[in-house]
Amino acid sequence: MRLGPAVALFRSLGDATRLGILRRLSDGEARVVDLTRELGLAQSTVSKHLACLRDCKLVDVRVDGRQSYYALTRPELPELLRAAERVLAATGEAVELCPRYGSPEGDDLGDDQMLERR
């Protein structure tokens, strides 16, 4: 079994901003302005992460006049996120304390920031 594609999928989910975007889009499509307001992020940050998620084919865009609406491409994604939440609940979120990938302070650092901490 090739693990490379699965590793790439979980890396794409491993950033707090991208995960937040995917969780929000699990509730339905949204515009960049909606995502920036709801997630409290800068427009440039949201746009950068949406581009990444589009490159991974996890998100697509629908243009309606001057508005662009982003949505999940795969109906399996919300269930994957729910399954992850069930695993976290079952393990008492112990993964957060993992010395390599966890965040002892409970913060929501992205991949780059976690790498800088090591």
C-alpha atoms as a PDB file:
ATOM      1  CA  MET A   1       0.000   0.000   0.000  1.00  0.00           C
ATOM      2  CA  ARG A   2       1.335   3.423  -0.982  1.00  0.00           C
ATOM      3  CA  LEU A   3       1.242   5.779   1.971  1.00  0.00           C
ATOM      4  CA  GLY A   4       2.371   8.921   0.150  1.00  0.00           C
ATOM      5  CA  PRO A   5      -1.116  10.075  -0.888  1.00  0.00           C
ATOM      6  CA  ALA A   6      -2.500   9.491   2.626  1.00  0.00           C
ATOM      7  CA  VAL A   7       0.434  11.380   4.151  1.00  0.00           C
ATOM      8  CA  ALA A   8      -0.219  14.296   1.776  1.00  0.00           C
ATOM      9  CA  LEU A   9      -3.932  14.271   2.672  1.00  0.00           C
ATOM     10  CA  PHE A  10      -3.246  14.379   6.398  1.00  0.00           C
ATOM     11  CA  ARG A  11      -0.610  17.085   5.934  1.00  0.00           C
ATOM     12  CA  SER A  12      -3.202  19.167   4.106  1.00  0.00           C
ATOM     13  CA  LEU A  13      -5.498  18.681   7.107  1.00  0.00           C
ATOM     14  CA  GLY A  14      -2.680  19.314   9.596  1.00  0.00           C
ATOM     15  CA  ASP A  15      -2.762  23.097   9.486  1.00  0.00           C
ATOM     16  CA  ALA A  16      -5.144  24.880  11.865  1.00  0.00           C
ATOM     17  CA  THR A  17      -6.261  27.385   9.220  1.00  0.00           C
ATOM     18  CA  ARG A  18      -6.956  24.766   6.560  1.00  0.00           C
ATOM     19  CA  LEU A  19      -8.720  22.544   9.075  1.00  0.00           C
ATOM     20  CA  GLY A  20     -10.858  25.481  10.193  1.00  0.00           C
ATOM     21  CA  ILE A  21     -11.781  26.251   6.593  1.00  0.00           C
ATOM     22  CA  LEU A  22     -12.718  22.626   5.931  1.00  0.00           C
ATOM     23  CA  ARG A  23     -14.782  22.422   9.125  1.00  0.00           C
ATOM     24  CA  ARG A  24     -16.646  25.597   8.127  1.00  0.00           C
ATOM     25  CA  LEU A  25     -17.210  24.364   4.571  1.00  0.00           C
ATOM     26  CA  SER A  26     -18.643  21.145   6.021  1.00  0.00           C
ATOM     27  CA  ASP A  27     -21.668  23.317   6.878  1.00  0.00           C
ATOM     28  CA  GLY A  28     -22.015  24.548   3.293  1.00  0.00           C
ATOM     29  CA  GLU A  29     -20.383  26.775   0.748  1.00  0.00           C
ATOM     30  CA  ALA A  30     -18.914  30.137   1.700  1.00  0.00           C
ATOM     31  CA  ARG A  31     -17.247  33.164   0.186  1.00  0.00           C
ATOM     32  CA  VAL A  32     -13.785  34.360   1.229  1.00  0.00           C
ATOM     33  CA  VAL A  33     -15.407  37.281   3.056  1.00  0.00           C
ATOM     34  CA  ASP A  34     -17.572  34.823   5.024  1.00  0.00           C
ATOM     35  CA  LEU A  35     -14.556  32.721   5.964  1.00  0.00           C
ATOM     36  CA  THR A  36     -12.465  35.715   7.036  1.00  0.00           C
ATOM     37  CA  ARG A  37     -15.271  37.003   9.241  1.00  0.00           C
ATOM     38  CA  GLU A  38     -16.199  33.634  10.759  1.00  0.00           C
ATOM     39  CA  LEU A  39     -12.633  32.427  11.319  1.00  0.00           C
ATOM     40  CA  GLY A  40     -11.171  35.807  12.278  1.00  0.00           C
ATOM     41  CA  LEU A  41      -8.424  35.593   9.667  1.00  0.00           C
ATOM     42  CA  ALA A  42      -6.978  37.977   7.100  1.00  0.00           C
ATOM     43  CA  GLN A  43      -8.259  37.743   3.535  1.00  0.00           C
ATOM     44  CA  SER A  44      -4.761  36.951   2.240  1.00  0.00           C
ATOM     45  CA  THR A  45      -4.422  34.076   4.715  1.00  0.00           C
ATOM     46  CA  VAL A  46      -7.768  32.557   3.785  1.00  0.00           C
ATOM     47  CA  SER A  47      -7.066  32.945   0.058  1.00  0.00           C
ATOM     48  CA  LYS A  48      -3.643  31.301   0.388  1.00  0.00           C
ATOM     49  CA  HIS A  49      -5.060  28.305   2.230  1.00  0.00           C
ATOM     50  CA  LEU A  50      -8.028  27.991  -0.133  1.00  0.00           C
ATOM     51  CA  ALA A  51      -5.550  27.833  -3.027  1.00  0.00           C
ATOM     52  CA  CYS A  52      -3.726  25.012  -1.257  1.00  0.00           C
ATOM     53  CA  LEU A  53      -6.977  23.127  -0.639  1.00  0.00           C
ATOM     54  CA  ARG A  54      -7.970  23.625  -4.276  1.00  0.00           C
ATOM     55  CA  ASP A  55      -4.593  22.288  -5.416  1.00  0.00           C
ATOM     56  CA  CYS A  56      -5.262  19.200  -3.279  1.00  0.00           C
ATOM     57  CA  LYS A  57      -8.713  18.885  -4.892  1.00  0.00           C
ATOM     58  CA  LEU A  58     -10.426  19.107  -1.490  1.00  0.00           C
ATOM     59  CA  VAL A  59     -12.189  22.411  -2.252  1.00  0.00           C
ATOM     60  CA  ASP A  60     -13.598  23.892  -5.436  1.00  0.00           C
ATOM     61  CA  VAL A  61     -15.053  27.250  -6.363  1.00  0.00           C
ATOM     62  CA  ARG A  62     -18.336  28.201  -8.020  1.00  0.00           C
ATOM     63  CA  VAL A  63     -18.547  31.668  -9.577  1.00  0.00           C
ATOM     64  CA  ASP A  64     -21.912  33.409  -9.542  1.00  0.00           C
ATOM     65  CA  GLY A  65     -21.626  36.870 -11.075  1.00  0.00           C
ATOM     66  CA  ARG A  66     -18.972  38.696  -9.072  1.00  0.00           C
ATOM     67  CA  GLN A  67     -19.163  36.275  -6.138  1.00  0.00           C
ATOM     68  CA  SER A  68     -17.041  33.155  -5.681  1.00  0.00           C
ATOM     69  CA  TYR A  69     -18.397  30.397  -3.464  1.00  0.00           C
ATOM     70  CA  TYR A  70     -16.092  27.713  -2.065  1.00  0.00           C
ATOM     71  CA  ALA A  71     -17.308  24.226  -1.228  1.00  0.00           C
ATOM     72  CA  LEU A  72     -15.933  20.810  -0.377  1.00  0.00           C
ATOM     73  CA  THR A  73     -15.376  18.561  -3.366  1.00  0.00           C
ATOM     74  CA  ARG A  74     -15.798  15.295  -1.497  1.00  0.00           C
ATOM     75  CA  PRO A  75     -18.836  14.328   0.576  1.00  0.00           C
ATOM     76  CA  GLU A  76     -16.546  12.078   2.642  1.00  0.00           C
ATOM     77  CA  LEU A  77     -14.660  15.020   4.170  1.00  0.00           C
ATOM     78  CA  PRO A  78     -17.236  15.927   6.847  1.00  0.00           C
ATOM     79  CA  GLU A  79     -17.344  12.287   7.956  1.00  0.00           C
ATOM     80  CA  LEU A  80     -13.537  12.167   8.067  1.00  0.00           C
ATOM     81  CA  LEU A  81     -13.544  15.240  10.302  1.00  0.00           C
ATOM     82  CA  ARG A  82     -16.249  13.734  12.523  1.00  0.00           C
ATOM     83  CA  ALA A  83     -14.263  10.479  12.743  1.00  0.00           C
ATOM     84  CA  ALA A  84     -11.182  12.447  13.823  1.00  0.00           C
ATOM     85  CA  GLU A  85     -13.244  14.165  16.516  1.00  0.00           C
ATOM     86  CA  ARG A  86     -14.435  10.753  17.760  1.00  0.00           C
ATOM     87  CA  VAL A  87     -10.834   9.484  17.912  1.00  0.00           C
ATOM     88  CA  LEU A  88      -9.810  12.585  19.859  1.00  0.00           C
ATOM     89  CA  ALA A  89     -12.722  12.134  22.249  1.00  0.00           C
ATOM     90  CA  ALA A  90     -11.891   8.434  22.737  1.00  0.00           C
ATOM     91  CA  THR A  91      -8.216   9.132  23.467  1.00  0.00           C
ATOM     92  CA  GLY A  92      -8.920  12.066  25.731  1.00  0.00           C
ATOM     93  CA  GLU A  93      -7.165  14.213  23.141  1.00  0.00           C
ATOM     94  CA  ALA A  94      -3.878  12.662  24.288  1.00  0.00           C
ATOM     95  CA  VAL A  95      -2.356  13.388  20.892  1.00  0.00           C
ATOM     96  CA  GLU A  96      -2.219  17.057  21.933  1.00  0.00           C
ATOM     97  CA  LEU A  97       0.400  16.063  24.510  1.00  0.00           C
ATOM     98  CA  CYS A  98       2.513  14.147  21.987  1.00  0.00           C
ATOM     99  CA  PRO A  99       6.082  15.479  22.359  1.00  0.00           C
ATOM    100  CA  ARG A 100       6.585  15.603  18.599  1.00  0.00           C
ATOM    101  CA  TYR A 101       3.266  16.839  17.219  1.00  0.00           C
ATOM    102  CA  GLY A 102       1.310  17.964  20.221  1.00  0.00           C
ATOM    103  CA  SER A 103       0.962  21.425  21.580  1.00  0.00           C
ATOM    104  CA  PRO A 104       1.541  21.428  25.355  1.00  0.00           C
ATOM    105  CA  GLU A 105       0.232  24.971  25.679  1.00  0.00           C
ATOM    106  CA  GLY A 106      -2.926  24.018  23.792  1.00  0.00           C
ATOM    107  CA  ASP A 107      -2.323  26.592  21.091  1.00  0.00           C
ATOM    108  CA  ASP A 108      -3.311  26.227  17.448  1.00  0.00           C
ATOM    109  CA  LEU A 109       0.015  26.528  15.673  1.00  0.00           C
ATOM    110  CA  GLY A 110       0.300  25.749  12.001  1.00  0.00           C
ATOM    111  CA  ASP A 111       2.804  23.338  10.464  1.00  0.00           C
ATOM    112  CA  ASP A 112       5.504  25.969   9.937  1.00  0.00           C
ATOM    113  CA  GLN A 113       5.284  27.253  13.496  1.00  0.00           C
ATOM    114  CA  MET A 114       5.418  23.730  14.936  1.00  0.00           C
ATOM    115  CA  LEU A 115       8.559  23.031  12.930  1.00  0.00           C
ATOM    116  CA  GLU A 116      10.140  26.237  14.229  1.00  0.00           C
ATOM    117  CA  ARG A 117       9.516  25.129  17.824  1.00  0.00           C
ATOM    118  CA  ARG A 118      11.586  21.950  17.390  1.00  0.00           C
END
